Amino acid sequence: MIRTIKYYLLALTLCFCHLTLFAQNRTIDSLLTFLKKDKPDTNKVNRLNKLCKEYIIRGIYDTAIYYGNPALQLAKELTFKKGIANSYSN
């Protein structure tokens, strides 16, 4: 009986992990979709910073830098202080 409960809890945990990963993929996909349509303004800086943060959370640091550096450069061009701060924070 105890073994059955352990297996049930393990299966339930694996299901929740899968759902969490799926939700993260959706976030990145939607950010990438909007990023393609963005003009070079503060919204683009914010989206680039969000993408950077998502990849940092996942541990994909080289891709995080790939999106973080353009966010910093664009924020500096726009003199967008909050964007510069967020870029340095990432």
Protein backbone atom coordinates (compact mmCIF):
# COMPACT_ATOMS: atom_id res chain seq x y z
CA MET A 1 0.00 0.00 0.00
CA ILE A 2 2.78 2.44 0.90
CA ARG A 3 4.65 1.60 -2.31
CA THR A 4 1.54 2.35 -4.34
CA ILE A 5 1.21 5.75 -2.71
CA LYS A 6 4.89 6.52 -3.38
CA TYR A 7 4.51 5.64 -7.07
CA TYR A 8 1.34 7.70 -7.31
CA LEU A 9 3.06 10.72 -5.78
CA LEU A 10 6.05 10.28 -8.07
CA ALA A 11 3.83 10.17 -11.16
CA LEU A 12 1.91 13.22 -9.98
CA THR A 13 5.14 15.15 -9.40
CA LEU A 14 6.43 14.30 -12.87
CA CYS A 15 3.18 15.52 -14.42
CA PHE A 16 3.48 18.89 -12.66
CA CYS A 17 7.11 19.27 -13.74
CA HIS A 18 6.10 18.71 -17.35
CA LEU A 19 3.37 21.36 -17.12
CA THR A 20 5.81 23.88 -15.67
CA LEU A 21 8.29 23.34 -18.50
CA PHE A 22 5.52 23.70 -21.07
CA ALA A 23 4.45 27.03 -19.59
CA GLN A 24 8.03 28.32 -19.75
CA ASN A 25 8.26 27.39 -23.43
CA ARG A 26 5.09 29.35 -24.11
CA THR A 27 6.51 32.43 -22.42
CA ILE A 28 9.69 32.37 -24.48
CA ASP A 29 7.79 31.66 -27.70
CA SER A 30 5.40 34.55 -27.18
CA LEU A 31 8.24 36.93 -26.31
CA LEU A 32 10.12 35.91 -29.47
CA THR A 33 6.99 36.43 -31.57
CA PHE A 34 6.42 39.94 -30.23
CA LEU A 35 10.12 40.76 -30.49
CA LYS A 36 10.05 40.24 -34.26
CA LYS A 37 7.33 42.89 -34.60
CA ASP A 38 8.77 45.42 -32.14
CA LYS A 39 10.23 48.72 -33.23
CA PRO A 40 13.47 49.80 -31.53
CA ASP A 41 11.88 51.43 -28.48
CA THR A 42 11.49 50.80 -24.75
CA ASN A 43 9.08 47.89 -25.34
CA LYS A 44 11.78 46.07 -27.27
CA VAL A 45 14.27 46.68 -24.46
CA ASN A 46 11.79 45.28 -21.94
CA ARG A 47 11.09 42.20 -24.04
CA LEU A 48 14.80 41.55 -24.59
CA ASN A 49 15.36 41.82 -20.85
CA LYS A 50 12.46 39.43 -20.15
CA LEU A 51 13.90 36.93 -22.62
CA CYS A 52 17.28 37.27 -20.98
CA LYS A 53 15.74 36.61 -17.57
CA GLU A 54 13.81 33.55 -18.83
CA TYR A 55 16.98 32.00 -20.20
CA ILE A 56 18.86 32.77 -16.98
CA ILE A 57 16.15 30.98 -14.99
CA ARG A 58 16.54 27.96 -17.27
CA GLY A 59 20.33 28.03 -16.97
CA ILE A 60 20.95 28.77 -20.67
CA TYR A 61 23.42 31.55 -20.08
CA ASP A 62 24.89 31.96 -23.57
CA THR A 63 21.43 32.63 -25.02
CA ALA A 64 20.68 34.96 -22.11
CA ILE A 65 23.75 37.01 -23.03
CA TYR A 66 22.67 36.91 -26.68
CA TYR A 67 19.46 38.78 -25.74
CA GLY A 68 20.89 40.79 -22.85
CA ASN A 69 23.61 42.61 -24.76
CA PRO A 70 21.29 44.09 -27.42
CA ALA A 71 18.91 45.13 -24.64
CA LEU A 72 21.71 47.06 -22.96
CA GLN A 73 22.88 48.66 -26.20
CA LEU A 74 19.38 49.74 -27.23
CA ALA A 75 18.59 51.04 -23.74
CA LYS A 76 21.76 53.16 -23.84
CA GLU A 77 20.85 54.52 -27.29
CA LEU A 78 17.39 55.47 -26.00
CA THR A 79 18.76 56.72 -22.65
CA PHE A 80 16.19 54.45 -21.02
CA LYS A 81 17.54 54.35 -17.46
CA LYS A 82 15.24 51.61 -16.17
CA GLY A 83 16.14 49.43 -19.18
CA ILE A 84 19.85 50.02 -18.60
CA ALA A 85 19.48 49.06 -14.95
CA ASN A 86 17.52 45.90 -15.79
CA SER A 87 20.07 44.92 -18.42
CA TYR A 88 22.94 45.28 -15.97
CA SER A 89 20.92 43.38 -13.38
CA ASN A 90 20.49 40.44 -15.75
